[in-house]
Amino acid sequence: MKNIVNANDVIKVNVENPEGESLGEIQALMLDKITGKVAYVVLSFGGFLGMGSKLFALPWAFFSYNKDRDCFVINMSKEKLRKSPGFDKDNWPDMSSPTWVSSITDHYANL
């Protein structure tokens, strides 16, 4: 298994919780241009065929890769994800805004 992959190979990969429930798929990786590190993973959850789904930006550290299931795993229930701060595909937040970063950091620190 390759540990280093093209970012395009991560997009559209399924995300599940430890119980095997589908939590959607990765839509984008948000990179910090200065450090080169992944700042957030944008996860698409809900809807049907990509319509009506909500997007969530979660810290990269929340994700682990399960090679047996060929998916990423986050330790979160569907209900907790639904209650997390999200956005729609046409109204992305300014992910470099200190206010937005603080709100996301505070929310996920409490999970």
PDB file of N, CA and C in Angstrom:
ATOM      1  N   MET A   1       0.842  -1.185   0.000  1.00  0.00           N
ATOM      2  CA  MET A   1       0.000   0.000   0.000  1.00  0.00           C
ATOM      3  C   MET A   1       0.883   1.243   0.000  1.00  0.00           C
ATOM      4  N   LYS A   2       0.527   2.177  -0.841  1.00  0.00           N
ATOM      5  CA  LYS A   2       1.256   3.441  -0.892  1.00  0.00           C
ATOM      6  C   LYS A   2       0.748   4.370   0.200  1.00  0.00           C
ATOM      7  N   ASN A   3       1.675   4.973   0.936  1.00  0.00           N
ATOM      8  CA  ASN A   3       1.293   5.930   1.973  1.00  0.00           C
ATOM      9  C   ASN A   3       1.186   7.345   1.421  1.00  0.00           C
ATOM     10  N   ILE A   4       1.867   7.617   0.328  1.00  0.00           N
ATOM     11  CA  ILE A   4       1.808   8.935  -0.288  1.00  0.00           C
ATOM     12  C   ILE A   4       1.084   8.783  -1.613  1.00  0.00           C
ATOM     13  N   VAL A   5       0.012   9.544  -1.767  1.00  0.00           N
ATOM     14  CA  VAL A   5      -0.807   9.452  -2.971  1.00  0.00           C
ATOM     15  C   VAL A   5      -1.117  10.847  -3.495  1.00  0.00           C
ATOM     16  N   ASN A   6      -1.531  10.907  -4.712  1.00  0.00           N
ATOM     17  CA  ASN A   6      -1.994  12.139  -5.322  1.00  0.00           C
ATOM     18  C   ASN A   6      -3.290  12.559  -4.625  1.00  0.00           C
ATOM     19  N   ALA A   7      -3.447  13.835  -4.372  1.00  0.00           N
ATOM     20  CA  ALA A   7      -4.665  14.323  -3.717  1.00  0.00           C
ATOM     21  C   ALA A   7      -5.914  13.904  -4.489  1.00  0.00           C
ATOM     22  N   ASN A   8      -5.804  13.812  -5.802  1.00  0.00           N
ATOM     23  CA  ASN A   8      -6.953  13.385  -6.609  1.00  0.00           C
ATOM     24  C   ASN A   8      -7.403  11.972  -6.258  1.00  0.00           C
ATOM     25  N   ASP A   9      -6.491  11.156  -5.733  1.00  0.00           N
ATOM     26  CA  ASP A   9      -6.848   9.792  -5.354  1.00  0.00           C
ATOM     27  C   ASP A   9      -7.579   9.724  -4.021  1.00  0.00           C
ATOM     28  N   VAL A  10      -7.665  10.841  -3.329  1.00  0.00           N
ATOM     29  CA  VAL A  10      -8.380  10.909  -2.055  1.00  0.00           C
ATOM     30  C   VAL A  10      -9.794  11.453  -2.267  1.00  0.00           C
ATOM     31  N   ILE A  11      -9.964  12.301  -3.263  1.00  0.00           N
ATOM     32  CA  ILE A  11     -11.272  12.870  -3.575  1.00  0.00           C
ATOM     33  C   ILE A  11     -12.219  11.746  -3.983  1.00  0.00           C
ATOM     34  N   LYS A  12     -13.427  11.796  -3.474  1.00  0.00           N
ATOM     35  CA  LYS A  12     -14.498  10.822  -3.732  1.00  0.00           C
ATOM     36  C   LYS A  12     -14.337   9.512  -2.964  1.00  0.00           C
ATOM     37  N   VAL A  13     -13.314   9.417  -2.104  1.00  0.00           N
ATOM     38  CA  VAL A  13     -13.160   8.215  -1.284  1.00  0.00           C
ATOM     39  C   VAL A  13     -14.222   8.253  -0.180  1.00  0.00           C
ATOM     40  N   ASN A  14     -14.812   7.113   0.091  1.00  0.00           N
ATOM     41  CA  ASN A  14     -15.846   7.004   1.115  1.00  0.00           C
ATOM     42  C   ASN A  14     -15.278   7.231   2.504  1.00  0.00           C
ATOM     43  N   VAL A  15     -16.147   7.750   3.373  1.00  0.00           N
ATOM     44  CA  VAL A  15     -15.818   7.962   4.773  1.00  0.00           C
ATOM     45  C   VAL A  15     -16.883   7.238   5.597  1.00  0.00           C
ATOM     46  N   GLU A  16     -16.425   6.494   6.588  1.00  0.00           N
ATOM     47  CA  GLU A  16     -17.322   5.749   7.460  1.00  0.00           C
ATOM     48  C   GLU A  16     -16.971   6.034   8.913  1.00  0.00           C
ATOM     49  N   ASN A  17     -17.877   5.657   9.803  1.00  0.00           N
ATOM     50  CA  ASN A  17     -17.530   5.682  11.216  1.00  0.00           C
ATOM     51  C   ASN A  17     -17.050   4.287  11.603  1.00  0.00           C
ATOM     52  N   PRO A  18     -16.556   4.078  12.815  1.00  0.00           N
ATOM     53  CA  PRO A  18     -16.027   2.759  13.194  1.00  0.00           C
ATOM     54  C   PRO A  18     -17.051   1.630  13.098  1.00  0.00           C
ATOM     55  N   GLU A  19     -18.341   1.979  13.178  1.00  0.00           N
ATOM     56  CA  GLU A  19     -19.393   0.978  13.069  1.00  0.00           C
ATOM     57  C   GLU A  19     -19.680   0.583  11.622  1.00  0.00           C
ATOM     58  N   GLY A  20     -19.017   1.237  10.667  1.00  0.00           N
ATOM     59  CA  GLY A  20     -19.205   0.911   9.256  1.00  0.00           C
ATOM     60  C   GLY A  20     -20.314   1.683   8.574  1.00  0.00           C
ATOM     61  N   GLU A  21     -20.915   2.653   9.269  1.00  0.00           N
ATOM     62  CA  GLU A  21     -21.953   3.475   8.647  1.00  0.00           C
ATOM     63  C   GLU A  21     -21.312   4.498   7.720  1.00  0.00           C
ATOM     64  N   SER A  22     -21.881   4.671   6.550  1.00  0.00           N
ATOM     65  CA  SER A  22     -21.357   5.647   5.605  1.00  0.00           C
ATOM     66  C   SER A  22     -21.646   7.059   6.091  1.00  0.00           C
ATOM     67  N   LEU A  23     -20.609   7.899   6.076  1.00  0.00           N
ATOM     68  CA  LEU A  23     -20.754   9.307   6.438  1.00  0.00           C
ATOM     69  C   LEU A  23     -20.535  10.212   5.234  1.00  0.00           C
ATOM     70  N   GLY A  24     -20.466   9.633   4.056  1.00  0.00           N
ATOM     71  CA  GLY A  24     -20.312  10.427   2.847  1.00  0.00           C
ATOM     72  C   GLY A  24     -19.001  10.163   2.152  1.00  0.00           C
ATOM     73  N   GLU A  25     -18.531  11.205   1.457  1.00  0.00           N
ATOM     74  CA  GLU A  25     -17.268  11.068   0.729  1.00  0.00           C
ATOM     75  C   GLU A  25     -16.505  12.376   0.749  1.00  0.00           C
ATOM     76  N   ILE A  26     -15.208  12.255   0.569  1.00  0.00           N
ATOM     77  CA  ILE A  26     -14.340  13.428   0.571  1.00  0.00           C
ATOM     78  C   ILE A  26     -14.538  14.209  -0.720  1.00  0.00           C
ATOM     79  N   GLN A  27     -14.776  15.502  -0.581  1.00  0.00           N
ATOM     80  CA  GLN A  27     -14.980  16.380  -1.732  1.00  0.00           C
ATOM     81  C   GLN A  27     -13.753  17.216  -2.050  1.00  0.00           C
ATOM     82  N   ALA A  28     -12.984  17.575  -1.031  1.00  0.00           N
ATOM     83  CA  ALA A  28     -11.817  18.444  -1.253  1.00  0.00           C
ATOM     84  C   ALA A  28     -10.863  18.328  -0.080  1.00  0.00           C
ATOM     85  N   LEU A  29      -9.614  18.628  -0.358  1.00  0.00           N
ATOM     86  CA  LEU A  29      -8.596  18.772   0.674  1.00  0.00           C
ATOM     87  C   LEU A  29      -8.172  20.230   0.659  1.00  0.00           C
ATOM     88  N   MET A  30      -8.217  20.868   1.797  1.00  0.00           N
ATOM     89  CA  MET A  30      -7.839  22.268   1.911  1.00  0.00           C
ATOM     90  C   MET A  30      -6.432  22.329   2.492  1.00  0.00           C
ATOM     91  N   LEU A  31      -5.512  22.913   1.730  1.00  0.00           N
ATOM     92  CA  LEU A  31      -4.105  22.950   2.113  1.00  0.00           C
ATOM     93  C   LEU A  31      -3.701  24.311   2.650  1.00  0.00           C
ATOM     94  N   ASP A  32      -2.821  24.289   3.630  1.00  0.00           N
ATOM     95  CA  ASP A  32      -2.186  25.506   4.110  1.00  0.00           C
ATOM     96  C   ASP A  32      -1.019  25.775   3.161  1.00  0.00           C
ATOM     97  N   LYS A  33      -1.077  26.875   2.420  1.00  0.00           N
ATOM     98  CA  LYS A  33      -0.045  27.163   1.418  1.00  0.00           C
ATOM     99  C   LYS A  33       1.333  27.389   2.029  1.00  0.00           C
ATOM    100  N   ILE A  34       1.386  27.826   3.263  1.00  0.00           N
ATOM    101  CA  ILE A  34       2.669  28.107   3.900  1.00  0.00           C
ATOM    102  C   ILE A  34       3.325  26.821   4.404  1.00  0.00           C
ATOM    103  N   THR A  35       2.560  26.002   5.140  1.00  0.00           N
ATOM    104  CA  THR A  35       3.137  24.784   5.720  1.00  0.00           C
ATOM    105  C   THR A  35       3.087  23.584   4.774  1.00  0.00           C
ATOM    106  N   GLY A  36       2.172  23.638   3.813  1.00  0.00           N
ATOM    107  CA  GLY A  36       1.998  22.510   2.900  1.00  0.00           C
ATOM    108  C   GLY A  36       1.192  21.376   3.501  1.00  0.00           C
ATOM    109  N   LYS A  37       0.660  21.558   4.694  1.00  0.00           N
ATOM    110  CA  LYS A  37      -0.111  20.510   5.355  1.00  0.00           C
ATOM    111  C   LYS A  37      -1.592  20.617   5.014  1.00  0.00           C
ATOM    112  N   VAL A  38      -2.283  19.471   5.104  1.00  0.00           N
ATOM    113  CA  VAL A  38      -3.729  19.470   4.931  1.00  0.00           C
ATOM    114  C   VAL A  38      -4.338  20.122   6.161  1.00  0.00           C
ATOM    115  N   ALA A  39      -5.086  21.189   5.946  1.00  0.00           N
ATOM    116  CA  ALA A  39      -5.726  21.888   7.054  1.00  0.00           C
ATOM    117  C   ALA A  39      -7.088  21.266   7.362  1.00  0.00           C
ATOM    118  N   TYR A  40      -7.874  21.030   6.322  1.00  0.00           N
ATOM    119  CA  TYR A  40      -9.217  20.483   6.481  1.00  0.00           C
ATOM    120  C   TYR A  40      -9.520  19.513   5.360  1.00  0.00           C
ATOM    121  N   VAL A  41     -10.381  18.565   5.694  1.00  0.00           N
ATOM    122  CA  VAL A  41     -10.961  17.669   4.702  1.00  0.00           C
ATOM    123  C   VAL A  41     -12.413  18.101   4.572  1.00  0.00           C
ATOM    124  N   VAL A  42     -12.857  18.353   3.349  1.00  0.00           N
ATOM    125  CA  VAL A  42     -14.254  18.714   3.136  1.00  0.00           C
ATOM    126  C   VAL A  42     -15.009  17.429   2.810  1.00  0.00           C
ATOM    127  N   LEU A  43     -15.971  17.136   3.665  1.00  0.00           N
ATOM    128  CA  LEU A  43     -16.760  15.920   3.573  1.00  0.00           C
ATOM    129  C   LEU A  43     -18.171  16.261   3.115  1.00  0.00           C
ATOM    130  N   SER A  44     -18.670  15.516   2.141  1.00  0.00           N
ATOM    131  CA  SER A  44     -20.041  15.668   1.670  1.00  0.00           C
ATOM    132  C   SER A  44     -20.888  14.603   2.342  1.00  0.00           C
ATOM    133  N   PHE A  45     -21.999  15.017   2.967  1.00  0.00           N
ATOM    134  CA  PHE A  45     -22.848  14.092   3.700  1.00  0.00           C
ATOM    135  C   PHE A  45     -24.308  14.383   3.417  1.00  0.00           C
ATOM    136  N   GLY A  46     -25.083  13.337   3.211  1.00  0.00           N
ATOM    137  CA  GLY A  46     -26.518  13.469   3.020  1.00  0.00           C
ATOM    138  C   GLY A  46     -26.864  13.721   1.564  1.00  0.00           C
ATOM    139  N   GLY A  47     -28.110  13.980   1.329  1.00  0.00           N
ATOM    140  CA  GLY A  47     -28.584  14.226  -0.028  1.00  0.00           C
ATOM    141  C   GLY A  47     -28.671  12.945  -0.834  1.00  0.00           C
ATOM    142  N   PHE A  48     -28.941  13.120  -2.112  1.00  0.00           N
ATOM    143  CA  PHE A  48     -29.075  11.996  -3.028  1.00  0.00           C
ATOM    144  C   PHE A  48     -28.382  12.349  -4.325  1.00  0.00           C
ATOM    145  N   LEU A  49     -27.429  11.527  -4.734  1.00  0.00           N
ATOM    146  CA  LEU A  49     -26.638  11.759  -5.946  1.00  0.00           C
ATOM    147  C   LEU A  49     -25.993  13.145  -5.944  1.00  0.00           C
ATOM    148  N   GLY A  50     -25.534  13.561  -4.770  1.00  0.00           N
ATOM    149  CA  GLY A  50     -24.843  14.835  -4.650  1.00  0.00           C
ATOM    150  C   GLY A  50     -25.754  16.037  -4.525  1.00  0.00           C
ATOM    151  N   MET A  51     -27.067  15.831  -4.619  1.00  0.00           N
ATOM    152  CA  MET A  51     -28.006  16.948  -4.520  1.00  0.00           C
ATOM    153  C   MET A  51     -28.563  16.995  -3.104  1.00  0.00           C
ATOM    154  N   GLY A  52     -28.557  18.181  -2.530  1.00  0.00           N
ATOM    155  CA  GLY A  52     -29.070  18.356  -1.180  1.00  0.00           C
ATOM    156  C   GLY A  52     -28.097  17.959  -0.095  1.00  0.00           C
ATOM    157  N   SER A  53     -26.883  17.628  -0.491  1.00  0.00           N
ATOM    158  CA  SER A  53     -25.905  17.238   0.528  1.00  0.00           C
ATOM    159  C   SER A  53     -25.338  18.477   1.201  1.00  0.00           C
ATOM    160  N   LYS A  54     -24.860  18.280   2.404  1.00  0.00           N
ATOM    161  CA  LYS A  54     -24.242  19.348   3.171  1.00  0.00           C
ATOM    162  C   LYS A  54     -22.751  19.059   3.225  1.00  0.00           C
ATOM    163  N   LEU A  55     -21.941  20.103   3.232  1.00  0.00           N
ATOM    164  CA  LEU A  55     -20.497  19.954   3.309  1.00  0.00           C
ATOM    165  C   LEU A  55     -20.011  20.320   4.710  1.00  0.00           C
ATOM    166  N   PHE A  56     -18.984  19.603   5.148  1.00  0.00           N
ATOM    167  CA  PHE A  56     -18.391  19.829   6.457  1.00  0.00           C
ATOM    168  C   PHE A  56     -16.882  19.878   6.305  1.00  0.00           C
ATOM    169  N   ALA A  57     -16.252  20.831   6.951  1.00  0.00           N
ATOM    170  CA  ALA A  57     -14.790  20.904   6.972  1.00  0.00           C
ATOM    171  C   ALA A  57     -14.343  20.353   8.315  1.00  0.00           C
ATOM    172  N   LEU A  58     -13.623  19.241   8.251  1.00  0.00           N
ATOM    173  CA  LEU A  58     -13.143  18.595   9.466  1.00  0.00           C
ATOM    174  C   LEU A  58     -11.625  18.583   9.465  1.00  0.00           C
ATOM    175  N   PRO A  59     -11.017  18.647  10.641  1.00  0.00           N
ATOM    176  CA  PRO A  59      -9.556  18.592  10.721  1.00  0.00           C
ATOM    177  C   PRO A  59      -9.029  17.259  10.178  1.00  0.00           C
ATOM    178  N   TRP A  60      -7.923  17.322   9.457  1.00  0.00           N
ATOM    179  CA  TRP A  60      -7.294  16.141   8.888  1.00  0.00           C
ATOM    180  C   TRP A  60      -6.980  15.103   9.963  1.00  0.00           C
ATOM    181  N   ALA A  61      -6.636  15.570  11.161  1.00  0.00           N
ATOM    182  CA  ALA A  61      -6.264  14.666  12.248  1.00  0.00           C
ATOM    183  C   ALA A  61      -7.409  13.739  12.665  1.00  0.00           C
ATOM    184  N   PHE A  62      -8.647  14.070  12.318  1.00  0.00           N
ATOM    185  CA  PHE A  62      -9.791  13.221  12.656  1.00  0.00           C
ATOM    186  C   PHE A  62      -9.846  11.957  11.810  1.00  0.00           C
ATOM    187  N   PHE A  63      -9.158  11.948  10.688  1.00  0.00           N
ATOM    188  CA  PHE A  63      -9.294  10.869   9.716  1.00  0.00           C
ATOM    189  C   PHE A  63      -8.192   9.828   9.855  1.00  0.00           C
ATOM    190  N   SER A  64      -8.579   8.591   9.742  1.00  0.00           N
ATOM    191  CA  SER A  64      -7.618   7.499   9.614  1.00  0.00           C
ATOM    192  C   SER A  64      -8.034   6.694   8.390  1.00  0.00           C
ATOM    193  N   TYR A  65      -7.097   5.955   7.841  1.00  0.00           N
ATOM    194  CA  TYR A  65      -7.393   5.167   6.647  1.00  0.00           C
ATOM    195  C   TYR A  65      -7.505   3.706   7.022  1.00  0.00           C
ATOM    196  N   ASN A  66      -8.565   3.063   6.578  1.00  0.00           N
ATOM    197  CA  ASN A  66      -8.764   1.643   6.808  1.00  0.00           C
ATOM    198  C   ASN A  66      -8.502   0.922   5.497  1.00  0.00           C
ATOM    199  N   LYS A  67      -7.343   0.279   5.396  1.00  0.00           N
ATOM    200  CA  LYS A  67      -6.966  -0.352   4.132  1.00  0.00           C
ATOM    201  C   LYS A  67      -7.838  -1.562   3.810  1.00  0.00           C
ATOM    202  N   ASP A  68      -8.358  -2.251   4.839  1.00  0.00           N
ATOM    203  CA  ASP A  68      -9.216  -3.402   4.580  1.00  0.00           C
ATOM    204  C   ASP A  68     -10.550  -2.995   3.958  1.00  0.00           C
ATOM    205  N   ARG A  69     -11.085  -1.862   4.400  1.00  0.00           N
ATOM    206  CA  ARG A  69     -12.364  -1.379   3.862  1.00  0.00           C
ATOM    207  C   ARG A  69     -12.159  -0.349   2.750  1.00  0.00           C
ATOM    208  N   ASP A  70     -10.895   0.034   2.502  1.00  0.00           N
ATOM    209  CA  ASP A  70     -10.546   1.017   1.478  1.00  0.00           C
ATOM    210  C   ASP A  70     -11.371   2.296   1.628  1.00  0.00           C
ATOM    211  N   CYS A  71     -11.356   2.823   2.856  1.00  0.00           N
ATOM    212  CA  CYS A  71     -12.091   4.056   3.124  1.00  0.00           C
ATOM    213  C   CYS A  71     -11.396   4.795   4.261  1.00  0.00           C
ATOM    214  N   PHE A  72     -11.781   6.035   4.431  1.00  0.00           N
ATOM    215  CA  PHE A  72     -11.332   6.800   5.586  1.00  0.00           C
ATOM    216  C   PHE A  72     -12.364   6.616   6.696  1.00  0.00           C
ATOM    217  N   VAL A  73     -11.906   6.707   7.930  1.00  0.00           N
ATOM    218  CA  VAL A  73     -12.776   6.507   9.083  1.00  0.00           C
ATOM    219  C   VAL A  73     -12.637   7.707  10.014  1.00  0.00           C
ATOM    220  N   ILE A  74     -13.781   8.194  10.493  1.00  0.00           N
ATOM    221  CA  ILE A  74     -13.788   9.212  11.542  1.00  0.00           C
ATOM    222  C   ILE A  74     -14.671   8.698  12.674  1.00  0.00           C
ATOM    223  N   ASN A  75     -14.285   9.002  13.883  1.00  0.00           N
ATOM    224  CA  ASN A  75     -15.015   8.530  15.049  1.00  0.00           C
ATOM    225  C   ASN A  75     -16.156   9.494  15.359  1.00  0.00           C
ATOM    226  N   MET A  76     -17.252   9.350  14.593  1.00  0.00           N
ATOM    227  CA  MET A  76     -18.379  10.258  14.739  1.00  0.00           C
ATOM    228  C   MET A  76     -19.645   9.550  14.276  1.00  0.00           C
ATOM    229  N   SER A  77     -20.725   9.761  14.979  1.00  0.00           N
ATOM    230  CA  SER A  77     -22.010   9.205  14.556  1.00  0.00           C
ATOM    231  C   SER A  77     -22.623  10.101  13.486  1.00  0.00           C
ATOM    232  N   LYS A  78     -23.583   9.558  12.773  1.00  0.00           N
ATOM    233  CA  LYS A  78     -24.297  10.358  11.771  1.00  0.00           C
ATOM    234  C   LYS A  78     -24.970  11.560  12.436  1.00  0.00           C
ATOM    235  N   GLU A  79     -25.532  11.349  13.612  1.00  0.00           N
ATOM    236  CA  GLU A  79     -26.234  12.423  14.314  1.00  0.00           C
ATOM    237  C   GLU A  79     -25.290  13.560  14.704  1.00  0.00           C
ATOM    238  N   LYS A  80     -24.097  13.218  15.216  1.00  0.00           N
ATOM    239  CA  LYS A  80     -23.128  14.265  15.561  1.00  0.00           C
ATOM    240  C   LYS A  80     -22.682  15.018  14.322  1.00  0.00           C
ATOM    241  N   LEU A  81     -22.508  14.304  13.221  1.00  0.00           N
ATOM    242  CA  LEU A  81     -22.115  14.975  11.988  1.00  0.00           C
ATOM    243  C   LEU A  81     -23.209  15.926  11.526  1.00  0.00           C
ATOM    244  N   ARG A  82     -24.454  15.475  11.569  1.00  0.00           N
ATOM    245  CA  ARG A  82     -25.585  16.333  11.168  1.00  0.00           C
ATOM    246  C   ARG A  82     -25.628  17.628  11.982  1.00  0.00           C
ATOM    247  N   LYS A  83     -25.251  17.548  13.255  1.00  0.00           N
ATOM    248  CA  LYS A  83     -25.306  18.706  14.151  1.00  0.00           C
ATOM    249  C   LYS A  83     -24.047  19.575  14.080  1.00  0.00           C
ATOM    250  N   SER A  84     -23.074  19.154  13.297  1.00  0.00           N
ATOM    251  CA  SER A  84     -21.835  19.924  13.164  1.00  0.00           C
ATOM    252  C   SER A  84     -22.050  21.110  12.233  1.00  0.00           C
ATOM    253  N   PRO A  85     -21.216  22.150  12.362  1.00  0.00           N
ATOM    254  CA  PRO A  85     -21.355  23.301  11.465  1.00  0.00           C
ATOM    255  C   PRO A  85     -20.980  22.898  10.041  1.00  0.00           C
ATOM    256  N   GLY A  86     -21.864  23.201   9.127  1.00  0.00           N
ATOM    257  CA  GLY A  86     -21.622  22.851   7.733  1.00  0.00           C
ATOM    258  C   GLY A  86     -21.977  24.001   6.811  1.00  0.00           C
ATOM    259  N   PHE A  87     -21.909  23.721   5.523  1.00  0.00           N
ATOM    260  CA  PHE A  87     -22.202  24.743   4.518  1.00  0.00           C
ATOM    261  C   PHE A  87     -22.638  24.046   3.249  1.00  0.00           C
ATOM    262  N   ASP A  88     -23.214  24.809   2.316  1.00  0.00           N
ATOM    263  CA  ASP A  88     -23.623  24.178   1.064  1.00  0.00           C
ATOM    264  C   ASP A  88     -22.593  24.452  -0.020  1.00  0.00           C
ATOM    265  N   LYS A  89     -22.679  23.693  -1.086  1.00  0.00           N
ATOM    266  CA  LYS A  89     -21.643  23.726  -2.130  1.00  0.00           C
ATOM    267  C   LYS A  89     -21.510  25.078  -2.816  1.00  0.00           C
ATOM    268  N   ASP A  90     -22.527  25.925  -2.722  1.00  0.00           N
ATOM    269  CA  ASP A  90     -22.466  27.244  -3.367  1.00  0.00           C
ATOM    270  C   ASP A  90     -22.072  28.366  -2.417  1.00  0.00           C
ATOM    271  N   ASN A  91     -21.871  28.058  -1.139  1.00  0.00           N
ATOM    272  CA  ASN A  91     -21.558  29.094  -0.149  1.00  0.00           C
ATOM    273  C   ASN A  91     -20.471  28.618   0.805  1.00  0.00           C
ATOM    274  N   TRP A  92     -19.264  28.485   0.279  1.00  0.00           N
ATOM    275  CA  TRP A  92     -18.142  28.039   1.107  1.00  0.00           C
ATOM    276  C   TRP A  92     -17.706  29.159   2.046  1.00  0.00           C
ATOM    277  N   PRO A  93     -17.351  28.816   3.278  1.00  0.00           N
ATOM    278  CA  PRO A  93     -16.843  29.829   4.206  1.00  0.00           C
ATOM    279  C   PRO A  93     -15.408  30.215   3.846  1.00  0.00           C
ATOM    280  N   ASP A  94     -14.973  31.322   4.398  1.00  0.00           N
ATOM    281  CA  ASP A  94     -13.573  31.723   4.266  1.00  0.00           C
ATOM    282  C   ASP A  94     -12.795  30.940   5.311  1.00  0.00           C
ATOM    283  N   MET A  95     -12.185  29.842   4.896  1.00  0.00           N
ATOM    284  CA  MET A  95     -11.518  28.942   5.832  1.00  0.00           C
ATOM    285  C   MET A  95     -10.226  29.506   6.402  1.00  0.00           C
ATOM    286  N   SER A  96      -9.815  30.681   5.940  1.00  0.00           N
ATOM    287  CA  SER A  96      -8.648  31.331   6.528  1.00  0.00           C
ATOM    288  C   SER A  96      -9.051  32.405   7.538  1.00  0.00           C
ATOM    289  N   SER A  97     -10.337  32.644   7.686  1.00  0.00           N
ATOM    290  CA  SER A  97     -10.831  33.632   8.640  1.00  0.00           C
ATOM    291  C   SER A  97     -10.582  33.147  10.065  1.00  0.00           C
ATOM    292  N   PRO A  98      -9.937  33.966  10.900  1.00  0.00           N
ATOM    293  CA  PRO A  98      -9.696  33.562  12.290  1.00  0.00           C
ATOM    294  C   PRO A  98     -10.983  33.212  13.038  1.00  0.00           C
ATOM    295  N   THR A  99     -12.067  33.918  12.750  1.00  0.00           N
ATOM    296  CA  THR A  99     -13.346  33.632  13.405  1.00  0.00           C
ATOM    297  C   THR A  99     -13.853  32.250  13.019  1.00  0.00           C
ATOM    298  N   TRP A 100     -13.778  31.924  11.736  1.00  0.00           N
ATOM    299  CA  TRP A 100     -14.229  30.607  11.266  1.00  0.00           C
ATOM    300  C   TRP A 100     -13.337  29.513  11.849  1.00  0.00           C
ATOM    301  N   VAL A 101     -12.024  29.701  11.788  1.00  0.00           N
ATOM    302  CA  VAL A 101     -11.086  28.703  12.322  1.00  0.00           C
ATOM    303  C   VAL A 101     -11.375  28.452  13.797  1.00  0.00           C
ATOM    304  N   SER A 102     -11.595  29.507  14.557  1.00  0.00           N
ATOM    305  CA  SER A 102     -11.878  29.382  15.979  1.00  0.00           C
ATOM    306  C   SER A 102     -13.168  28.609  16.225  1.00  0.00           C
ATOM    307  N   SER A 103     -14.200  28.904  15.440  1.00  0.00           N
ATOM    308  CA  SER A 103     -15.484  28.212  15.643  1.00  0.00           C
ATOM    309  C   SER A 103     -15.366  26.719  15.335  1.00  0.00           C
ATOM    310  N   ILE A 104     -14.638  26.366  14.292  1.00  0.00           N
ATOM    311  CA  ILE A 104     -14.453  24.957  13.936  1.00  0.00           C
ATOM    312  C   ILE A 104     -13.579  24.257  14.976  1.00  0.00           C
ATOM    313  N   THR A 105     -12.508  24.910  15.379  1.00  0.00           N
ATOM    314  CA  THR A 105     -11.609  24.335  16.389  1.00  0.00           C
ATOM    315  C   THR A 105     -12.360  24.087  17.687  1.00  0.00           C
ATOM    316  N   ASP A 106     -13.153  25.070  18.117  1.00  0.00           N
ATOM    317  CA  ASP A 106     -13.931  24.927  19.354  1.00  0.00           C
ATOM    318  C   ASP A 106     -14.959  23.804  19.238  1.00  0.00           C
ATOM    319  N   HIS A 107     -15.637  23.732  18.114  1.00  0.00           N
ATOM    320  CA  HIS A 107     -16.673  22.702  17.947  1.00  0.00           C
ATOM    321  C   HIS A 107     -16.072  21.303  18.028  1.00  0.00           C
ATOM    322  N   TYR A 108     -15.018  21.052  17.268  1.00  0.00           N
ATOM    323  CA  TYR A 108     -14.467  19.712  17.214  1.00  0.00           C
ATOM    324  C   TYR A 108     -13.599  19.353  18.426  1.00  0.00           C
ATOM    325  N   ALA A 109     -13.176  20.362  19.192  1.00  0.00           N
ATOM    326  CA  ALA A 109     -12.444  20.085  20.425  1.00  0.00           C
ATOM    327  C   ALA A 109     -13.347  19.466  21.469  1.00  0.00           C
ATOM    328  N   ASN A 110     -14.643  19.711  21.338  1.00  0.00           N
ATOM    329  CA  ASN A 110     -15.610  19.222  22.306  1.00  0.00           C
ATOM    330  C   ASN A 110     -16.184  17.849  21.947  1.00  0.00           C
ATOM    331  N   LEU A 111     -15.709  17.238  20.886  1.00  0.00           N
ATOM    332  CA  LEU A 111     -16.243  15.926  20.500  1.00  0.00           C
ATOM    333  C   LEU A 111     -15.371  14.802  20.998  1.00  0.00           C
TER     334      LEU A 111
END
